[in-house]
Amino acid sequence: MKVRLLGPVVDDYISEGIVQVEHEGKWGYICPSNWKQVNSYVLCGELGFPNHAESHAVAIQDVEPVYWLDHVTCKGWESSIVSCGHSGSGVSGCTGGQALKIKCVRKSSDKVSLGRLLATV
């Protein structure tokens, strides 16, 4: 599975956007219900950002959104968000046209190349 943020790299140290996960060639969302800070820590780390700043639900314009992950429960040691517990790929009760938006921060001594962030698991 691949994970990406739809949004800008704000500068060399901050990136934020709507989280998408690719499964079987199709991009979908992570349901924001019951999202915990430890999940954000794992997700930001997977994308190369060791620090998490904030996460919240945002409205999306997708008419028929696909949710690949729901009820995500990380312990904090996982290397990828799909390694965390979840209800199963594509198994979701998520409704309401919302998705997870996250803001990740890098330490000031590290740099990230500008462009779309993409992590492959």
Protein backbone atom coordinates (compact mmCIF):
# COMPACT_ATOMS: atom_id res chain seq x y z
CA MET A 1 0.00 0.00 0.00
CA LYS A 2 1.09 3.56 -0.66
CA VAL A 3 0.26 6.58 1.48
CA ARG A 4 0.26 10.22 0.36
CA LEU A 5 -0.74 13.67 1.52
CA LEU A 6 -2.81 15.77 -0.85
CA GLY A 7 -1.57 19.22 -0.08
CA PRO A 8 1.50 21.39 -0.18
CA VAL A 9 4.86 20.99 1.45
CA VAL A 10 4.57 24.29 3.31
CA ASP A 11 8.34 24.67 3.52
CA ASP A 12 11.32 22.39 4.10
CA TYR A 13 10.01 21.48 7.54
CA ILE A 14 6.22 21.25 7.39
CA SER A 15 3.81 19.29 5.21
CA GLU A 16 0.06 19.02 5.54
CA GLY A 17 -2.81 17.60 3.56
CA ILE A 18 -5.60 15.07 3.28
CA VAL A 19 -4.31 11.56 3.78
CA GLN A 20 -4.90 9.05 1.00
CA VAL A 21 -4.05 5.35 0.86
CA GLU A 22 -3.70 3.34 -2.35
CA HIS A 23 -5.06 -0.19 -2.37
CA GLU A 24 -5.39 -2.41 -5.45
CA GLY A 25 -4.56 0.55 -7.71
CA LYS A 26 -7.22 2.87 -6.32
CA TRP A 27 -6.68 5.83 -3.97
CA GLY A 28 -9.00 6.19 -1.00
CA TYR A 29 -9.15 7.83 2.40
CA ILE A 30 -8.59 7.09 6.06
CA CYS A 31 -11.71 7.58 8.12
CA PRO A 32 -11.03 10.21 10.81
CA SER A 33 -13.37 8.72 13.42
CA ASN A 34 -11.66 7.72 16.66
CA TRP A 35 -8.29 8.96 15.37
CA LYS A 36 -5.64 9.18 18.09
CA GLN A 37 -2.43 11.20 18.34
CA VAL A 38 -0.29 8.04 18.33
CA ASN A 39 -1.72 7.21 14.88
CA SER A 40 -0.54 10.61 13.63
CA TYR A 41 2.92 9.96 15.04
CA VAL A 42 3.19 6.72 13.05
CA LEU A 43 1.78 8.27 9.86
CA CYS A 44 4.09 11.30 9.95
CA GLY A 45 7.07 9.05 10.65
CA GLU A 46 6.18 6.90 7.64
CA LEU A 47 6.23 10.01 5.46
CA GLY A 48 9.64 11.08 6.79
CA PHE A 49 8.44 13.60 9.35
CA PRO A 50 9.33 12.59 12.91
CA ASN A 51 6.96 15.09 14.52
CA HIS A 52 3.20 15.46 14.39
CA ALA A 53 1.62 18.89 14.80
CA GLU A 54 -2.12 18.35 14.37
CA SER A 55 -4.79 16.25 12.72
CA HIS A 56 -8.52 16.66 12.23
CA ALA A 57 -11.45 15.72 10.02
CA VAL A 58 -12.19 17.83 6.95
CA ALA A 59 -15.05 17.81 4.46
CA ILE A 60 -14.20 16.36 1.05
CA GLN A 61 -15.88 16.93 -2.28
CA ASP A 62 -15.61 13.30 -3.42
CA VAL A 63 -19.15 12.18 -4.37
CA GLU A 64 -18.56 8.52 -3.49
CA PRO A 65 -15.49 8.41 -1.26
CA VAL A 66 -13.70 5.13 -0.73
CA TYR A 67 -12.34 4.55 2.76
CA TRP A 68 -9.53 2.01 2.84
CA LEU A 69 -8.77 2.32 6.56
CA ASP A 70 -11.07 2.83 9.54
CA HIS A 71 -10.74 2.33 13.30
CA VAL A 72 -6.96 2.64 13.10
CA THR A 73 -5.23 1.77 16.39
CA CYS A 74 -1.46 2.20 16.51
CA LYS A 75 0.81 1.39 19.44
CA GLY A 76 3.52 3.86 18.35
CA TRP A 77 6.27 1.49 17.25
CA GLU A 78 4.86 0.63 13.80
CA SER A 79 6.77 1.72 10.68
CA SER A 80 3.62 2.26 8.62
CA ILE A 81 -0.01 3.13 9.21
CA VAL A 82 -1.18 -0.09 7.53
CA SER A 83 0.82 -2.08 10.11
CA CYS A 84 -1.44 -0.67 12.82
CA GLY A 85 -4.62 -2.41 13.78
CA HIS A 86 -7.65 -1.44 11.69
CA SER A 87 -11.04 -2.79 10.68
CA GLY A 88 -9.67 -4.28 7.42
CA SER A 89 -8.89 -2.83 4.01
CA GLY A 90 -12.08 -1.37 2.63
CA VAL A 91 -14.12 -2.27 5.72
CA SER A 92 -15.53 1.02 6.96
CA GLY A 93 -18.60 2.50 8.52
CA CYS A 94 -17.36 5.98 7.73
CA THR A 95 -20.01 8.37 6.48
CA GLY A 96 -20.48 12.09 6.21
CA GLY A 97 -18.01 12.93 3.45
CA GLN A 98 -15.05 13.57 5.73
CA ALA A 99 -11.42 12.54 5.56
CA LEU A 100 -8.35 12.81 7.74
CA LYS A 101 -6.14 15.88 7.33
CA ILE A 102 -2.77 15.90 9.04
CA LYS A 103 0.10 18.31 9.56
CA CYS A 104 3.58 16.85 9.98
CA VAL A 105 6.72 18.68 11.09
CA ARG A 106 10.39 17.90 10.59
CA LYS A 107 13.18 18.81 12.96
CA SER A 108 14.93 22.00 11.87
CA SER A 109 18.17 20.19 10.97
CA ASP A 110 16.45 17.87 8.48
CA LYS A 111 15.20 18.83 5.01
CA VAL A 112 12.62 17.37 2.66
CA SER A 113 12.57 17.87 -1.08
CA LEU A 114 9.65 19.95 -2.27
CA GLY A 115 6.92 18.09 -4.09
CA ARG A 116 4.26 15.54 -3.34
CA LEU A 117 5.04 13.23 -0.46
CA LEU A 118 4.61 9.54 -1.14
CA ALA A 119 5.48 6.56 1.03
CA THR A 120 5.37 2.99 -0.23
CA VAL A 121 4.70 0.16 2.20
